[in-house]
Protein backbone atom coordinates (compact mmCIF):
# COMPACT_ATOMS: atom_id res chain seq x y z
CA MET A 1 73.66 42.84 58.79
CA ASP A 2 70.73 41.55 60.70
CA ASP A 3 68.39 43.38 58.35
CA PHE A 4 70.13 41.68 55.38
CA GLU A 5 69.89 38.20 56.79
CA HIS A 6 66.20 38.82 57.60
CA ASP A 7 65.56 39.81 53.96
CA MET A 8 67.26 36.67 52.66
CA GLU A 9 65.19 34.47 54.92
CA ASP A 10 62.03 36.07 53.52
CA THR A 11 63.13 35.58 49.96
CA ASP A 12 63.92 31.84 50.50
CA SER A 13 60.60 31.33 52.13
CA ASP A 14 58.69 32.94 49.34
CA SER A 15 60.56 31.07 46.60
CA GLY A 16 60.05 27.68 48.38
CA GLY A 17 56.25 28.24 48.62
CA SER A 18 55.80 29.17 44.92
CA TRP A 19 57.81 26.11 43.70
CA THR A 20 55.76 23.72 45.86
CA THR A 21 52.51 25.13 44.53
CA THR A 22 53.60 24.76 40.86
CA PHE A 23 54.87 21.27 41.50
CA ALA A 24 51.54 20.28 43.12
CA ASP A 25 49.63 21.55 40.10
CA LEU A 26 51.83 19.62 37.76
CA MET A 27 51.33 16.42 39.67
CA SER A 28 47.61 16.95 39.68
CA LEU A 29 47.60 17.45 35.90
CA LEU A 30 49.78 14.35 35.36
CA LEU A 31 47.57 12.29 37.59
CA THR A 32 44.48 13.36 35.74
CA PHE A 33 46.19 12.62 32.40
CA PHE A 34 47.15 9.09 33.46
CA VAL A 35 43.71 8.38 34.85
CA LEU A 36 42.31 9.45 31.47
CA LEU A 37 44.71 7.16 29.64
CA LEU A 38 43.70 4.31 31.95
CA SER A 39 40.04 4.89 31.27
CA PHE A 40 40.75 4.55 27.56
CA ALA A 41 42.79 1.44 28.00
CA GLN A 42 40.19 -0.49 30.00
CA MET A 43 36.51 -0.61 29.08
CA ASP A 44 33.84 -0.96 31.83
CA VAL A 45 31.64 -3.70 30.48
CA ILE A 46 28.63 -2.46 32.47
CA LYS A 47 29.01 1.04 31.16
CA PHE A 48 29.62 -0.33 27.62
CA ARG A 49 26.28 -2.26 27.82
CA ASP A 50 24.57 1.01 28.95
CA ALA A 51 26.04 2.84 25.99
CA LEU A 52 24.88 0.18 23.64
CA GLY A 53 21.37 0.29 25.14
CA SER A 54 21.21 4.09 24.39
CA LEU A 55 22.32 3.61 20.84
CA LYS A 56 20.39 0.51 19.78
CA ASN A 57 17.20 2.41 18.89
CA ALA A 58 19.21 4.75 16.58
CA PHE A 59 21.46 2.21 14.89
CA GLY A 60 19.74 -1.15 15.27
CA TYR A 61 20.29 -3.53 18.18
CA VAL A 62 23.16 -5.34 19.85
CA ILE A 63 23.27 -8.86 21.27
CA GLU A 64 25.83 -10.49 23.61
CA GLN A 65 26.68 -14.25 23.25
CA GLN A 66 29.27 -15.78 25.65
CA GLY A 67 30.95 -12.43 26.26
CA ARG A 68 30.93 -11.49 22.50
CA PHE A 69 29.02 -8.44 21.41
CA GLU A 70 27.41 -8.39 17.94
CA ALA A 71 25.98 -5.25 16.47
CA ARG A 72 22.94 -5.94 14.32
CA SER A 73 21.54 -3.28 12.01
CA THR A 74 17.91 -2.88 10.81
CA THR A 75 18.96 -2.95 7.17
CA LEU A 76 18.49 -6.01 4.99
CA VAL A 77 22.06 -7.10 4.81
CA GLU A 78 24.81 -6.74 7.51
CA TYR A 79 28.48 -6.53 6.83
CA GLU A 80 31.44 -7.55 9.03
CA HIS A 81 32.71 -4.52 11.06
CA VAL A 82 36.42 -4.33 10.17
CA LYS A 83 39.28 -1.93 10.04
CA LYS A 84 41.36 -1.85 6.87
CA ASP A 85 45.15 -1.85 7.13
CA SER A 86 47.05 -0.78 4.07
CA LEU A 87 49.90 -3.15 4.92
CA LEU A 88 47.74 -6.26 5.39
CA LYS A 89 45.68 -8.09 2.83
CA ASP A 90 43.22 -9.44 5.40
CA PRO A 91 41.06 -7.01 7.42
CA VAL A 92 41.70 -6.57 11.09
CA LYS A 93 38.71 -7.27 13.28
CA THR A 94 37.68 -4.79 16.03
CA TYR A 95 38.19 -6.13 19.60
CA ILE A 96 36.59 -5.14 22.92
CA LYS A 97 38.46 -5.61 26.23
CA GLN A 98 36.59 -7.17 29.13
CA GLY A 99 38.96 -7.16 32.05
CA ARG A 100 42.09 -8.92 30.86
CA ASN A 101 40.36 -10.72 28.03
CA GLU A 102 39.61 -9.52 24.51
CA HIS A 103 36.50 -10.30 22.60
CA ALA A 104 36.20 -9.80 18.85
CA ILE A 105 33.15 -8.21 17.38
CA VAL A 106 32.32 -10.55 14.45
CA THR A 107 29.26 -9.81 12.36
CA ARG A 108 29.01 -11.90 9.18
CA PRO A 109 26.73 -10.96 6.28
CA VAL A 110 23.29 -12.19 7.18
CA PHE A 111 19.78 -11.47 6.05
CA VAL A 112 17.59 -10.11 8.79
CA GLN A 113 13.94 -9.33 8.94
CA THR A 114 13.13 -5.68 8.75
CA PRO A 115 9.74 -4.31 9.91
CA LYS A 116 8.59 -4.48 6.23
CA THR A 117 9.62 -8.08 5.65
CA ARG A 118 7.99 -9.14 8.93
CA ALA A 119 4.79 -7.40 7.79
CA ASN A 120 4.96 -9.32 4.49
CA GLU A 121 5.54 -12.65 6.27
CA ALA A 122 2.46 -11.93 8.46
CA ALA A 123 0.39 -11.09 5.41
CA ARG A 124 1.47 -14.29 3.57
CA GLY A 125 0.30 -16.27 6.53
CA ARG A 126 -3.07 -14.49 6.37
CA ASN A 127 -3.28 -15.10 2.63
CA LYS A 128 -3.05 -18.84 2.93
CA GLU A 129 -6.78 -19.42 3.23
CA ILE A 130 -7.75 -17.13 0.31
CA LEU A 131 -5.09 -18.83 -1.79
CA LYS A 132 -6.56 -22.20 -0.89
CA ARG A 133 -9.98 -21.08 -2.06
CA ILE A 134 -8.74 -19.54 -5.32
CA ARG A 135 -6.88 -22.75 -6.15
CA GLU A 136 -10.02 -24.83 -5.42
CA ALA A 137 -12.00 -22.60 -7.85
CA ILE A 138 -9.33 -22.99 -10.59
CA GLU A 139 -9.45 -26.82 -10.24
CA LYS A 140 -13.24 -26.82 -10.13
CA HIS A 141 -13.49 -24.97 -13.47
CA ASN A 142 -10.45 -26.68 -14.96
CA LEU A 143 -8.69 -23.40 -15.63
CA SER A 144 -5.10 -24.21 -14.62
CA GLU A 145 -3.89 -23.28 -18.14
CA MET A 146 -5.80 -19.97 -18.14
CA VAL A 147 -5.16 -18.61 -14.56
CA GLU A 148 -1.99 -17.83 -12.67
CA ILE A 149 -1.67 -16.97 -8.95
CA GLU A 150 0.96 -14.84 -7.31
CA ASP A 151 1.23 -13.89 -3.60
CA THR A 152 3.47 -10.95 -2.86
CA GLY A 153 2.58 -10.75 0.77
CA ARG A 154 0.79 -7.48 0.57
CA GLU A 155 -1.38 -8.58 -2.38
CA VAL A 156 -2.71 -11.73 -4.09
CA PHE A 157 -2.74 -11.51 -7.86
CA VAL A 158 -5.08 -13.77 -9.91
CA ARG A 159 -3.99 -13.29 -13.59
CA VAL A 160 -6.60 -14.48 -16.12
CA LYS A 161 -5.68 -14.75 -19.75
CA GLY A 162 -7.72 -12.36 -21.89
CA GLN A 163 -8.85 -15.04 -24.25
CA LEU A 164 -10.97 -16.66 -21.45
CA LEU A 165 -12.78 -13.42 -20.81
CA PHE A 166 -12.93 -11.59 -24.14
CA ASN A 167 -12.81 -11.97 -27.90
CA PRO A 168 -9.95 -10.24 -29.76
CA GLY A 169 -10.46 -6.44 -29.75
CA SER A 170 -13.53 -6.68 -27.70
CA ALA A 171 -14.52 -5.67 -24.15
CA SER A 172 -17.68 -7.70 -23.91
CA LEU A 173 -17.48 -10.58 -21.44
CA LYS A 174 -17.67 -14.14 -22.86
CA LYS A 175 -19.99 -16.59 -21.17
CA ASP A 176 -16.97 -18.76 -20.49
CA ALA A 177 -15.90 -16.09 -17.94
CA TYR A 178 -19.01 -16.31 -15.78
CA PRO A 179 -18.12 -19.41 -13.63
CA LEU A 180 -14.76 -17.94 -12.66
CA LEU A 181 -16.23 -14.48 -11.96
CA GLY A 182 -18.91 -16.23 -9.82
CA SER A 183 -16.23 -17.92 -7.72
CA ILE A 184 -14.39 -14.52 -7.35
CA ILE A 185 -17.71 -13.09 -6.06
CA SER A 186 -17.99 -15.88 -3.49
CA ILE A 187 -14.44 -15.40 -2.35
CA MET A 188 -14.98 -11.66 -1.91
CA GLU A 189 -18.06 -12.46 0.28
CA GLU A 190 -16.06 -14.97 2.34
CA PHE A 191 -12.89 -12.93 3.02
CA PRO A 192 -12.63 -9.27 4.06
CA TYR A 193 -10.31 -8.33 1.17
CA ASN A 194 -10.77 -5.36 -1.25
CA MET A 195 -10.14 -5.95 -4.91
CA ARG A 196 -8.68 -4.06 -7.77
CA ILE A 197 -9.32 -5.21 -11.29
CA GLU A 198 -6.57 -4.29 -13.82
CA GLY A 199 -6.76 -4.66 -17.57
CA HIS A 200 -3.58 -5.25 -19.62
CA THR A 201 -2.78 -5.69 -23.26
CA ASP A 202 0.21 -6.66 -25.44
CA ASP A 203 2.07 -4.08 -27.46
CA THR A 204 0.14 -4.65 -30.69
CA PRO A 205 -1.41 -1.33 -31.60
CA ILE A 206 -5.29 -1.07 -31.84
CA LYS A 207 -7.37 1.68 -33.31
CA SER A 208 -11.16 1.40 -33.77
CA ALA A 209 -14.20 3.50 -33.30
CA SER A 210 -14.64 2.04 -29.75
CA PHE A 211 -11.00 1.91 -28.72
CA PRO A 212 -8.65 4.49 -30.12
CA SER A 213 -5.70 2.74 -28.29
CA ASN A 214 -4.85 -0.06 -25.92
CA TRP A 215 -5.48 2.28 -22.99
CA GLU A 216 -9.15 2.47 -23.71
CA LEU A 217 -9.39 -1.36 -24.41
CA SER A 218 -7.60 -2.35 -21.25
CA THR A 219 -9.62 -0.03 -19.16
CA ALA A 220 -12.94 -1.06 -20.74
CA ARG A 221 -12.14 -4.73 -20.06
CA ALA A 222 -11.42 -4.07 -16.44
CA ILE A 223 -14.73 -2.07 -16.09
CA SER A 224 -16.65 -4.94 -17.84
CA ALA A 225 -15.48 -7.42 -15.21
CA LEU A 226 -16.26 -4.90 -12.50
CA ARG A 227 -19.75 -4.29 -13.74
CA TYR A 228 -20.49 -8.08 -13.81
CA ILE A 229 -19.29 -8.42 -10.23
CA MET A 230 -21.24 -5.38 -9.06
CA ALA A 231 -24.42 -6.52 -10.84
CA SER A 232 -24.56 -9.50 -8.46
CA GLY A 233 -25.45 -7.05 -5.65
CA ARG A 234 -23.23 -9.08 -3.23
CA ILE A 235 -20.25 -6.78 -2.99
CA THR A 236 -20.12 -3.34 -1.49
CA PRO A 237 -19.06 -0.74 -4.09
CA GLY A 238 -16.34 0.71 -1.80
CA ARG A 239 -14.41 -2.69 -1.86
CA ILE A 240 -13.77 -2.81 -5.54
CA GLY A 241 -12.07 -0.63 -8.23
CA ALA A 242 -10.83 -0.87 -11.85
CA ALA A 243 -7.84 0.37 -13.87
CA GLY A 244 -6.31 -0.04 -17.27
CA TYR A 245 -2.58 -0.19 -17.97
CA ALA A 246 -2.48 -0.99 -21.76
CA ASP A 247 0.94 -2.64 -22.50
CA THR A 248 2.99 -0.77 -19.86
CA ARG A 249 3.22 -3.65 -17.35
CA PRO A 250 4.10 -6.84 -19.31
CA VAL A 251 4.70 -10.10 -17.50
CA ALA A 252 6.36 -11.69 -20.52
CA SER A 253 8.17 -10.75 -23.70
CA ASN A 254 6.11 -9.45 -26.61
CA ASP A 255 8.59 -10.92 -29.06
CA ASP A 256 6.55 -14.12 -29.60
CA GLU A 257 2.81 -15.14 -29.53
CA LYS A 258 3.08 -17.16 -26.31
CA GLY A 259 4.41 -14.06 -24.46
CA ARG A 260 1.75 -11.78 -26.00
CA GLN A 261 -0.95 -14.17 -24.90
CA ARG A 262 0.29 -13.87 -21.28
CA ASN A 263 0.36 -10.06 -21.49
CA ARG A 264 -3.27 -9.91 -22.78
CA ARG A 265 -4.81 -10.46 -19.33
CA VAL A 266 -7.05 -9.22 -16.63
CA GLU A 267 -5.75 -9.26 -13.08
CA PHE A 268 -7.89 -9.50 -9.95
CA VAL A 269 -5.76 -8.15 -7.08
CA PHE A 270 -6.87 -8.95 -3.46
CA TYR A 271 -5.52 -6.67 -0.78
CA MET A 272 -6.20 -5.54 2.68
CA ASN A 273 -6.65 -1.85 3.52
CA LYS A 274 -4.02 -1.71 6.19
CA ASP A 275 -1.36 -3.08 3.84
CA VAL A 276 -1.81 -0.44 1.16
């Protein structure tokens, strides 16, 4: 009888010890689970800022204004960050908790400057002086009806109507072109730009002994202007080039004579090496 009671006491002791261990493990798991839920429910603002800092180089940048965080991308246009709800017509904005307060992330469509647009803005600022000189030359020679100017940021286009420079179907420079070309030479001396001379025609076919097509005519006209500039001996050969594009790059419609006159042109394109 004593042996039986001793065995029962051992069994109760072993059973009680196992149950306590299992219960302790369960409580530990439940505690971990609720701590995890709590960490999801409340966001640490400091840690959130750290996370944003690590991501800003990959996805853009984030700014904070009066407790509101705004994600800004490096693309040209930004869109509001929203979550669609199939039961609601209006989108539901995303909110961030800061303590007991909630702050909405609101990013409206806005145009931002990308590295490329910033570079173009800087180039436009640099181009102001050369544009001023080109306009002065146009006014001096009374060529406002014959010359157009365009500043793209990276390049400055001086478009000269072909009738000022050449007779129809010819690549020989007219004397009327000399004053403008002299001004272009002076501008090249004054500013550290390179220049590309481009010849263009309308879509009227041409076929002669000298020019089998508009490709040869447009290229020959560009080279004629280049030769005149180089003959001055004032421009380094490495700063200038020539190309012909025939009728492949029109600036106006070829359906009427006015448009064809604009397309028959020579373009003097000023550019800086680092922008090409």
